[in-house]
C-alpha cells in the first residue's frame, strides 16, 4: 500500500479538518466507500449545502473532496 503525504501549513490543515468535522463527517456520503460514492450523491449533497451555507462552502468542499478522491481512488 502506498501512502501519500501532502505537506500543508498548519492553518491549511486546520481549515481542512474543520471542513471535515463540520460538513463531511455527518454527510450522506460519510459512511460510503470510495468506490461506492456516486457523483449524483455528491451533487445532491452539494445542492443542499449550497442552499443552506452558500457557494463558497461548497467550493471549498469540492476542492478538498477532489484532492482526496484523486488520491484515494483505486487506479485501474
Protein backbone atom coordinates (compact mmCIF):
# COMPACT_ATOMS: atom_id res chain seq x y z
CA UNK A 1 0.00 0.00 0.00
CA UNK A 2 1.33 3.42 -0.95
CA UNK A 3 0.88 6.31 1.42
CA UNK A 4 0.66 9.83 0.10
CA UNK A 5 1.68 12.55 2.49
CA UNK A 6 0.83 16.05 1.48
CA UNK A 7 2.61 18.85 3.26
CA UNK A 8 0.41 21.80 4.09
CA UNK A 9 0.66 24.67 6.50
CA UNK A 10 -0.89 24.22 9.92
CA UNK A 11 -3.59 26.78 9.10
CA UNK A 12 -4.50 24.89 5.93
CA UNK A 13 -4.63 21.62 7.84
CA UNK A 14 -6.90 23.22 10.44
CA UNK A 15 -9.22 24.51 7.71
CA UNK A 16 -9.39 21.05 6.11
CA UNK A 17 -10.04 19.43 9.47
CA UNK A 18 -12.83 21.93 10.16
CA UNK A 19 -14.45 21.22 6.80
CA UNK A 20 -14.30 17.52 7.54
CA UNK A 21 -15.67 17.86 11.08
CA UNK A 22 -18.42 20.35 10.21
CA UNK A 23 -19.59 19.04 6.84
CA UNK A 24 -18.18 15.71 5.69
CA UNK A 25 -18.26 13.66 8.90
CA UNK A 26 -22.06 13.87 9.21
CA UNK A 27 -22.80 13.99 5.47
CA UNK A 28 -24.78 11.44 3.46
CA UNK A 29 -21.54 10.24 1.83
CA UNK A 30 -19.56 9.75 5.03
CA UNK A 31 -20.40 6.07 5.50
CA UNK A 32 -19.70 5.07 1.91
CA UNK A 33 -16.54 3.56 0.50
CA UNK A 34 -14.62 5.50 -2.13
CA UNK A 35 -15.69 3.14 -4.89
CA UNK A 36 -19.38 3.27 -3.92
CA UNK A 37 -19.76 7.06 -3.83
CA UNK A 38 -21.64 8.21 -6.92
CA UNK A 39 -21.35 11.65 -8.42
CA UNK A 40 -25.12 12.12 -8.03
CA UNK A 41 -24.74 11.55 -4.27
CA UNK A 42 -22.14 14.30 -4.06
CA UNK A 43 -24.13 16.63 -6.32
CA UNK A 44 -27.30 16.18 -4.26
CA UNK A 45 -25.37 16.90 -1.07
CA UNK A 46 -23.68 19.93 -2.65
CA UNK A 47 -27.03 21.30 -3.84
CA UNK A 48 -28.45 21.08 -0.32
CA UNK A 49 -25.33 22.69 1.17
CA UNK A 50 -25.37 25.46 -1.41
CA UNK A 51 -28.94 26.36 -0.49
CA UNK A 52 -28.11 26.34 3.22
CA UNK A 53 -24.50 27.50 3.51
CA UNK A 54 -23.63 29.08 0.17
CA UNK A 55 -21.34 28.73 -2.78
CA UNK A 56 -18.00 29.28 -1.03
CA UNK A 57 -18.58 26.42 1.40
CA UNK A 58 -19.40 24.09 -1.48
CA UNK A 59 -16.39 25.34 -3.42
CA UNK A 60 -14.04 24.60 -0.50
CA UNK A 61 -15.55 21.15 -0.02
CA UNK A 62 -15.32 20.44 -3.74
CA UNK A 63 -11.60 21.25 -3.77
CA UNK A 64 -10.96 19.11 -0.69
CA UNK A 65 -13.00 16.15 -1.95
CA UNK A 66 -11.44 16.32 -5.41
CA UNK A 67 -7.95 16.11 -3.93
CA UNK A 68 -8.97 13.29 -1.60
CA UNK A 69 -10.73 11.26 -4.30
CA UNK A 70 -7.80 11.66 -6.69
CA UNK A 71 -5.53 10.16 -4.05
CA UNK A 72 -7.93 7.54 -2.69
CA UNK A 73 -9.49 6.24 -5.91
CA UNK A 74 -8.23 2.84 -6.97
CA UNK A 75 -6.04 3.01 -10.03
CA UNK A 76 -7.15 0.73 -12.83
